[in-house]
Amino acid sequence: MADGGTRLDRWLWYARFFKTRVLARQAIDGGRVHVGGSRVKPGRRLKVGDVLEIQRGHERFEVSVEQLGSRRGPASEARNLYLESEANQARRTAEAEQRRMEAATAAVPRSGRPTKRDRRRIRSVRAGGG
């Protein structure tokens, strides 16, 4: 760290965005991590104040680097390494709620014969029991 920065892949691992440095490197190489709006390489040195956009699955984080960190510590320490805006947190929460609602309303098609429970429901509907 003679040049005063921490490697991007290490920082993402320190901050617990990814479980391993390999996963962090793959995300960076895959274009799912941007610094200042542009694609970067895993060896890019981060500085305090850099703005990161991180896509992890369905979640998209926009964070500002607050500290560089020197090790992967507990989650409570990792949260101190970055600052996420209130607007971004609200957007992520709303998107997660929307995905949860879509999953709850999605009909699960059954294949094969009806189960005993299904047969009882069919019988009760046909008999007018509703």
N, C-alpha and C. Protein backbone atom coordinates (compact mmCIF):
# COMPACT_ATOMS: atom_id res chain seq x y z
N MET A 1 0.81 -1.20 0.00
CA MET A 1 0.00 0.00 0.00
C MET A 1 0.86 1.26 0.00
N ALA A 2 1.99 1.21 -0.63
CA ALA A 2 2.89 2.34 -0.64
C ALA A 2 2.26 3.53 -1.37
N ASP A 3 1.38 3.26 -2.34
CA ASP A 3 0.78 4.35 -3.09
C ASP A 3 -0.51 4.86 -2.44
N GLY A 4 -0.81 4.41 -1.22
CA GLY A 4 -1.90 5.01 -0.46
C GLY A 4 -3.29 4.52 -0.78
N GLY A 5 -3.44 3.35 -1.32
CA GLY A 5 -4.78 2.85 -1.61
C GLY A 5 -4.90 1.37 -1.33
N THR A 6 -6.13 0.90 -1.38
CA THR A 6 -6.41 -0.53 -1.20
C THR A 6 -6.97 -1.06 -2.51
N ARG A 7 -6.56 -2.25 -2.89
CA ARG A 7 -7.07 -2.86 -4.11
C ARG A 7 -8.58 -2.99 -4.03
N LEU A 8 -9.26 -2.76 -5.14
CA LEU A 8 -10.71 -2.81 -5.19
C LEU A 8 -11.24 -4.18 -4.78
N ASP A 9 -10.64 -5.26 -5.30
CA ASP A 9 -11.15 -6.59 -4.96
C ASP A 9 -11.00 -6.88 -3.47
N ARG A 10 -9.91 -6.43 -2.88
CA ARG A 10 -9.72 -6.61 -1.43
C ARG A 10 -10.74 -5.81 -0.64
N TRP A 11 -10.96 -4.57 -1.04
CA TRP A 11 -11.89 -3.71 -0.31
C TRP A 11 -13.30 -4.28 -0.35
N LEU A 12 -13.72 -4.79 -1.51
CA LEU A 12 -15.06 -5.40 -1.61
C LEU A 12 -15.18 -6.60 -0.69
N TRP A 13 -14.11 -7.34 -0.55
CA TRP A 13 -14.08 -8.48 0.37
C TRP A 13 -14.08 -8.00 1.82
N TYR A 14 -13.25 -6.99 2.12
CA TYR A 14 -13.22 -6.43 3.48
C TYR A 14 -14.61 -5.93 3.88
N ALA A 15 -15.28 -5.24 2.96
CA ALA A 15 -16.57 -4.62 3.24
C ALA A 15 -17.72 -5.63 3.19
N ARG A 16 -17.40 -6.88 2.92
CA ARG A 16 -18.36 -7.99 2.93
C ARG A 16 -19.44 -7.88 1.86
N PHE A 17 -19.08 -7.31 0.71
CA PHE A 17 -20.00 -7.35 -0.42
C PHE A 17 -19.92 -8.71 -1.10
N PHE A 18 -18.76 -9.37 -0.97
CA PHE A 18 -18.57 -10.69 -1.55
C PHE A 18 -17.88 -11.58 -0.52
N LYS A 19 -18.19 -12.88 -0.55
CA LYS A 19 -17.64 -13.81 0.44
C LYS A 19 -16.17 -14.11 0.22
N THR A 20 -15.72 -14.05 -1.02
CA THR A 20 -14.31 -14.32 -1.30
C THR A 20 -13.76 -13.27 -2.25
N ARG A 21 -12.44 -13.15 -2.28
CA ARG A 21 -11.82 -12.22 -3.22
C ARG A 21 -12.02 -12.70 -4.65
N VAL A 22 -12.09 -14.00 -4.84
CA VAL A 22 -12.30 -14.55 -6.18
C VAL A 22 -13.66 -14.09 -6.71
N LEU A 23 -14.70 -14.15 -5.87
CA LEU A 23 -16.02 -13.69 -6.29
C LEU A 23 -16.01 -12.19 -6.58
N ALA A 24 -15.27 -11.43 -5.77
CA ALA A 24 -15.16 -9.99 -6.00
C ALA A 24 -14.47 -9.73 -7.33
N ARG A 25 -13.39 -10.46 -7.59
CA ARG A 25 -12.66 -10.30 -8.85
C ARG A 25 -13.55 -10.64 -10.05
N GLN A 26 -14.32 -11.73 -9.94
CA GLN A 26 -15.21 -12.12 -11.04
C GLN A 26 -16.27 -11.06 -11.29
N ALA A 27 -16.79 -10.46 -10.23
CA ALA A 27 -17.79 -9.40 -10.39
C ALA A 27 -17.18 -8.18 -11.07
N ILE A 28 -15.97 -7.84 -10.69
CA ILE A 28 -15.29 -6.69 -11.30
C ILE A 28 -15.02 -6.97 -12.77
N ASP A 29 -14.47 -8.15 -13.07
CA ASP A 29 -14.17 -8.51 -14.45
C ASP A 29 -15.44 -8.62 -15.29
N GLY A 30 -16.54 -8.99 -14.66
CA GLY A 30 -17.82 -9.12 -15.37
C GLY A 30 -18.54 -7.80 -15.57
N GLY A 31 -17.97 -6.70 -15.08
CA GLY A 31 -18.57 -5.39 -15.29
C GLY A 31 -19.68 -5.06 -14.31
N ARG A 32 -19.73 -5.77 -13.20
CA ARG A 32 -20.79 -5.51 -12.22
C ARG A 32 -20.35 -4.56 -11.11
N VAL A 33 -19.13 -4.05 -11.22
CA VAL A 33 -18.62 -3.06 -10.26
C VAL A 33 -18.04 -1.90 -11.05
N HIS A 34 -18.48 -0.68 -10.71
CA HIS A 34 -17.98 0.52 -11.36
C HIS A 34 -17.48 1.49 -10.30
N VAL A 35 -16.43 2.20 -10.62
CA VAL A 35 -15.91 3.25 -9.73
C VAL A 35 -16.03 4.56 -10.49
N GLY A 36 -16.78 5.49 -9.92
CA GLY A 36 -16.97 6.78 -10.59
C GLY A 36 -17.67 6.66 -11.92
N GLY A 37 -18.50 5.63 -12.08
CA GLY A 37 -19.28 5.45 -13.29
C GLY A 37 -18.57 4.71 -14.41
N SER A 38 -17.33 4.27 -14.20
CA SER A 38 -16.62 3.56 -15.27
C SER A 38 -16.13 2.20 -14.79
N ARG A 39 -16.01 1.28 -15.76
CA ARG A 39 -15.50 -0.06 -15.44
C ARG A 39 -14.05 0.04 -15.03
N VAL A 40 -13.66 -0.85 -14.14
CA VAL A 40 -12.29 -0.84 -13.62
C VAL A 40 -11.76 -2.26 -13.55
N LYS A 41 -10.48 -2.37 -13.20
CA LYS A 41 -9.85 -3.68 -13.02
C LYS A 41 -9.75 -3.98 -11.53
N PRO A 42 -9.59 -5.27 -11.18
CA PRO A 42 -9.52 -5.65 -9.76
C PRO A 42 -8.39 -4.98 -8.99
N GLY A 43 -7.30 -4.64 -9.65
CA GLY A 43 -6.16 -4.04 -8.98
C GLY A 43 -6.27 -2.53 -8.78
N ARG A 44 -7.35 -1.94 -9.20
CA ARG A 44 -7.55 -0.49 -9.06
C ARG A 44 -7.46 -0.10 -7.60
N ARG A 45 -6.68 0.93 -7.30
CA ARG A 45 -6.51 1.40 -5.93
C ARG A 45 -7.65 2.35 -5.58
N LEU A 46 -8.31 2.06 -4.48
CA LEU A 46 -9.40 2.91 -4.00
C LEU A 46 -8.85 3.98 -3.07
N LYS A 47 -9.54 5.11 -3.06
CA LYS A 47 -9.22 6.19 -2.14
C LYS A 47 -10.50 6.53 -1.39
N VAL A 48 -10.36 7.12 -0.22
CA VAL A 48 -11.53 7.57 0.54
C VAL A 48 -12.26 8.61 -0.31
N GLY A 49 -13.57 8.44 -0.42
CA GLY A 49 -14.38 9.36 -1.21
C GLY A 49 -14.79 8.80 -2.57
N ASP A 50 -14.16 7.72 -3.02
CA ASP A 50 -14.56 7.10 -4.28
C ASP A 50 -16.00 6.60 -4.18
N VAL A 51 -16.73 6.73 -5.28
CA VAL A 51 -18.12 6.28 -5.33
C VAL A 51 -18.18 4.99 -6.15
N LEU A 52 -18.74 3.94 -5.54
CA LEU A 52 -18.82 2.63 -6.18
C LEU A 52 -20.27 2.28 -6.50
N GLU A 53 -20.45 1.63 -7.64
CA GLU A 53 -21.74 1.04 -7.99
C GLU A 53 -21.51 -0.47 -8.07
N ILE A 54 -22.21 -1.22 -7.23
CA ILE A 54 -21.99 -2.66 -7.13
C ILE A 54 -23.30 -3.38 -7.42
N GLN A 55 -23.27 -4.27 -8.40
CA GLN A 55 -24.44 -5.09 -8.72
C GLN A 55 -24.18 -6.48 -8.18
N ARG A 56 -25.04 -6.94 -7.27
CA ARG A 56 -24.89 -8.26 -6.68
C ARG A 56 -26.24 -8.96 -6.75
N GLY A 57 -26.38 -9.85 -7.72
CA GLY A 57 -27.66 -10.51 -7.92
C GLY A 57 -28.68 -9.49 -8.38
N HIS A 58 -29.80 -9.40 -7.66
CA HIS A 58 -30.83 -8.42 -7.99
C HIS A 58 -30.59 -7.08 -7.31
N GLU A 59 -29.65 -7.03 -6.38
CA GLU A 59 -29.41 -5.81 -5.63
C GLU A 59 -28.36 -4.94 -6.30
N ARG A 60 -28.59 -3.62 -6.23
CA ARG A 60 -27.61 -2.67 -6.75
C ARG A 60 -27.29 -1.68 -5.64
N PHE A 61 -26.03 -1.61 -5.27
CA PHE A 61 -25.58 -0.72 -4.20
C PHE A 61 -24.85 0.46 -4.81
N GLU A 62 -25.08 1.63 -4.26
CA GLU A 62 -24.30 2.82 -4.59
C GLU A 62 -23.72 3.32 -3.28
N VAL A 63 -22.42 3.15 -3.12
CA VAL A 63 -21.78 3.48 -1.85
C VAL A 63 -20.59 4.40 -2.06
N SER A 64 -20.28 5.13 -1.01
CA SER A 64 -19.12 5.99 -0.99
C SER A 64 -18.12 5.39 0.00
N VAL A 65 -16.86 5.33 -0.40
CA VAL A 65 -15.82 4.74 0.45
C VAL A 65 -15.50 5.71 1.58
N GLU A 66 -15.68 5.25 2.82
CA GLU A 66 -15.40 6.08 4.00
C GLU A 66 -14.04 5.73 4.61
N GLN A 67 -13.70 4.45 4.63
CA GLN A 67 -12.42 3.99 5.16
C GLN A 67 -11.88 2.91 4.23
N LEU A 68 -10.57 2.72 4.24
CA LEU A 68 -9.98 1.71 3.36
C LEU A 68 -9.91 0.33 4.01
N GLY A 69 -9.76 0.26 5.30
CA GLY A 69 -9.71 -1.04 5.96
C GLY A 69 -8.37 -1.73 5.76
N SER A 70 -8.04 -2.61 6.71
CA SER A 70 -6.79 -3.34 6.61
C SER A 70 -6.98 -4.84 6.77
N ARG A 71 -8.22 -5.25 7.11
CA ARG A 71 -8.50 -6.68 7.26
C ARG A 71 -10.00 -6.89 7.12
N ARG A 72 -10.38 -8.15 6.95
CA ARG A 72 -11.79 -8.51 6.89
C ARG A 72 -12.23 -8.81 8.32
N GLY A 73 -12.96 -7.90 8.88
CA GLY A 73 -13.42 -8.05 10.26
C GLY A 73 -14.88 -8.43 10.31
N PRO A 74 -15.49 -8.29 11.48
CA PRO A 74 -16.91 -8.61 11.62
C PRO A 74 -17.77 -7.62 10.83
N ALA A 75 -19.03 -7.99 10.62
CA ALA A 75 -19.95 -7.17 9.83
C ALA A 75 -20.09 -5.77 10.41
N SER A 76 -20.03 -5.65 11.72
CA SER A 76 -20.16 -4.33 12.34
C SER A 76 -19.01 -3.41 11.92
N GLU A 77 -17.81 -3.96 11.77
CA GLU A 77 -16.67 -3.17 11.28
C GLU A 77 -16.82 -2.89 9.79
N ALA A 78 -17.30 -3.86 9.05
CA ALA A 78 -17.42 -3.72 7.60
C ALA A 78 -18.38 -2.58 7.24
N ARG A 79 -19.44 -2.40 8.01
CA ARG A 79 -20.40 -1.33 7.73
C ARG A 79 -19.78 0.06 7.87
N ASN A 80 -18.69 0.16 8.62
CA ASN A 80 -18.02 1.45 8.80
C ASN A 80 -17.13 1.81 7.61
N LEU A 81 -16.88 0.87 6.72
CA LEU A 81 -16.00 1.13 5.58
C LEU A 81 -16.68 1.93 4.47
N TYR A 82 -18.01 1.95 4.46
CA TYR A 82 -18.72 2.64 3.38
C TYR A 82 -19.94 3.36 3.92
N LEU A 83 -20.47 4.25 3.09
CA LEU A 83 -21.68 4.99 3.42
C LEU A 83 -22.64 4.85 2.26
N GLU A 84 -23.82 4.35 2.55
CA GLU A 84 -24.85 4.19 1.52
C GLU A 84 -25.90 5.27 1.74
N SER A 85 -26.31 5.94 0.67
CA SER A 85 -27.27 7.03 0.81
C SER A 85 -28.64 6.51 1.22
N GLU A 86 -29.41 7.37 1.87
CA GLU A 86 -30.77 7.01 2.30
C GLU A 86 -31.64 6.68 1.10
N ALA A 87 -31.48 7.44 0.01
CA ALA A 87 -32.29 7.21 -1.19
C ALA A 87 -32.01 5.83 -1.77
N ASN A 88 -30.75 5.44 -1.79
CA ASN A 88 -30.39 4.13 -2.33
C ASN A 88 -30.93 3.01 -1.44
N GLN A 89 -30.87 3.19 -0.12
CA GLN A 89 -31.41 2.19 0.79
C GLN A 89 -32.91 2.04 0.59
N ALA A 90 -33.61 3.16 0.43
CA ALA A 90 -35.06 3.12 0.22
C ALA A 90 -35.39 2.42 -1.10
N ARG A 91 -34.62 2.70 -2.15
CA ARG A 91 -34.86 2.07 -3.45
C ARG A 91 -34.63 0.57 -3.37
N ARG A 92 -33.55 0.15 -2.70
CA ARG A 92 -33.27 -1.28 -2.57
C ARG A 92 -34.36 -1.99 -1.77
N THR A 93 -34.85 -1.34 -0.71
CA THR A 93 -35.91 -1.92 0.10
C THR A 93 -37.19 -2.06 -0.72
N ALA A 94 -37.52 -1.03 -1.50
CA ALA A 94 -38.73 -1.08 -2.33
C ALA A 94 -38.62 -2.18 -3.39
N GLU A 95 -37.45 -2.30 -4.01
CA GLU A 95 -37.26 -3.35 -5.02
C GLU A 95 -37.35 -4.74 -4.41
N ALA A 96 -36.80 -4.91 -3.22
CA ALA A 96 -36.86 -6.21 -2.54
C ALA A 96 -38.31 -6.56 -2.20
N GLU A 97 -39.06 -5.57 -1.74
CA GLU A 97 -40.47 -5.79 -1.41
C GLU A 97 -41.26 -6.16 -2.67
N GLN A 98 -40.97 -5.48 -3.78
CA GLN A 98 -41.65 -5.78 -5.04
C GLN A 98 -41.34 -7.20 -5.49
N ARG A 99 -40.07 -7.62 -5.40
CA ARG A 99 -39.71 -8.99 -5.78
C ARG A 99 -40.41 -10.00 -4.89
N ARG A 100 -40.51 -9.68 -3.59
CA ARG A 100 -41.17 -10.58 -2.65
C ARG A 100 -42.66 -10.72 -2.99
N MET A 101 -43.29 -9.60 -3.34
CA MET A 101 -44.71 -9.63 -3.69
C MET A 101 -44.93 -10.40 -5.00
N GLU A 102 -44.05 -10.21 -5.97
CA GLU A 102 -44.17 -10.94 -7.23
C GLU A 102 -44.01 -12.43 -7.01
N ALA A 103 -43.10 -12.81 -6.15
CA ALA A 103 -42.88 -14.23 -5.87
C ALA A 103 -44.07 -14.83 -5.14
N ALA A 104 -44.70 -14.04 -4.28
CA ALA A 104 -45.84 -14.54 -3.52
C ALA A 104 -47.07 -14.72 -4.40
N THR A 105 -47.21 -13.87 -5.42
CA THR A 105 -48.40 -13.94 -6.26
C THR A 105 -48.22 -14.87 -7.46
N ALA A 106 -47.00 -15.30 -7.71
CA ALA A 106 -46.76 -16.18 -8.85
C ALA A 106 -47.40 -17.54 -8.60
N ALA A 107 -48.17 -17.99 -9.57
CA ALA A 107 -48.82 -19.29 -9.45
C ALA A 107 -47.80 -20.39 -9.72
N VAL A 108 -47.82 -21.39 -8.88
CA VAL A 108 -46.92 -22.52 -9.05
C VAL A 108 -47.69 -23.62 -9.75
N PRO A 109 -47.37 -23.88 -11.01
CA PRO A 109 -48.10 -24.94 -11.72
C PRO A 109 -47.72 -26.31 -11.17
N ARG A 110 -48.73 -27.10 -10.95
CA ARG A 110 -48.48 -28.46 -10.46
C ARG A 110 -48.52 -29.42 -11.63
N SER A 111 -47.69 -30.40 -11.55
CA SER A 111 -47.70 -31.40 -12.60
C SER A 111 -48.09 -32.73 -11.99
N GLY A 112 -48.72 -33.55 -12.78
CA GLY A 112 -49.09 -34.87 -12.29
C GLY A 112 -50.45 -34.87 -11.61
N ARG A 113 -50.68 -35.89 -10.85
CA ARG A 113 -51.96 -36.05 -10.19
C ARG A 113 -52.14 -35.07 -9.04
N PRO A 114 -53.41 -34.72 -8.75
CA PRO A 114 -53.66 -33.87 -7.59
C PRO A 114 -53.35 -34.64 -6.30
N THR A 115 -52.91 -33.92 -5.30
CA THR A 115 -52.65 -34.54 -4.02
C THR A 115 -53.97 -34.77 -3.30
N LYS A 116 -53.92 -35.45 -2.19
CA LYS A 116 -55.12 -35.71 -1.41
C LYS A 116 -55.77 -34.39 -0.98
N ARG A 117 -54.95 -33.46 -0.60
CA ARG A 117 -55.46 -32.14 -0.20
C ARG A 117 -56.15 -31.46 -1.37
N ASP A 118 -55.52 -31.52 -2.56
CA ASP A 118 -56.12 -30.92 -3.75
C ASP A 118 -57.46 -31.58 -4.08
N ARG A 119 -57.52 -32.91 -3.98
CA ARG A 119 -58.78 -33.61 -4.29
C ARG A 119 -59.88 -33.17 -3.34
N ARG A 120 -59.56 -32.99 -2.08
CA ARG A 120 -60.56 -32.54 -1.12
C ARG A 120 -61.05 -31.14 -1.45
N ARG A 121 -60.16 -30.28 -1.84
CA ARG A 121 -60.56 -28.92 -2.23
C ARG A 121 -61.44 -28.95 -3.47
N ILE A 122 -61.08 -29.77 -4.45
CA ILE A 122 -61.88 -29.89 -5.67
C ILE A 122 -63.27 -30.38 -5.32
N ARG A 123 -63.36 -31.42 -4.48
CA ARG A 123 -64.65 -31.96 -4.06
C ARG A 123 -65.50 -30.90 -3.36
N SER A 124 -64.86 -30.11 -2.48
CA SER A 124 -65.63 -29.12 -1.74
C SER A 124 -66.11 -28.00 -2.66
N VAL A 125 -65.32 -27.62 -3.66
CA VAL A 125 -65.76 -26.59 -4.60
C VAL A 125 -66.90 -27.10 -5.46
N ARG A 126 -66.81 -28.33 -5.93
CA ARG A 126 -67.87 -28.90 -6.77
C ARG A 126 -69.16 -29.09 -5.98
N ALA A 127 -69.03 -29.39 -4.70
CA ALA A 127 -70.22 -29.61 -3.87
C ALA A 127 -70.84 -28.28 -3.44
N GLY A 128 -70.18 -27.18 -3.74
CA GLY A 128 -70.73 -25.87 -3.39
C GLY A 128 -70.29 -25.38 -2.03
N GLY A 129 -69.35 -26.06 -1.43
CA GLY A 129 -68.87 -25.67 -0.10
C GLY A 129 -67.87 -24.53 -0.14
N GLY A 130 -67.45 -24.12 -1.35
CA GLY A 130 -66.60 -22.98 -1.57
C GLY A 130 -65.27 -23.06 -1.06
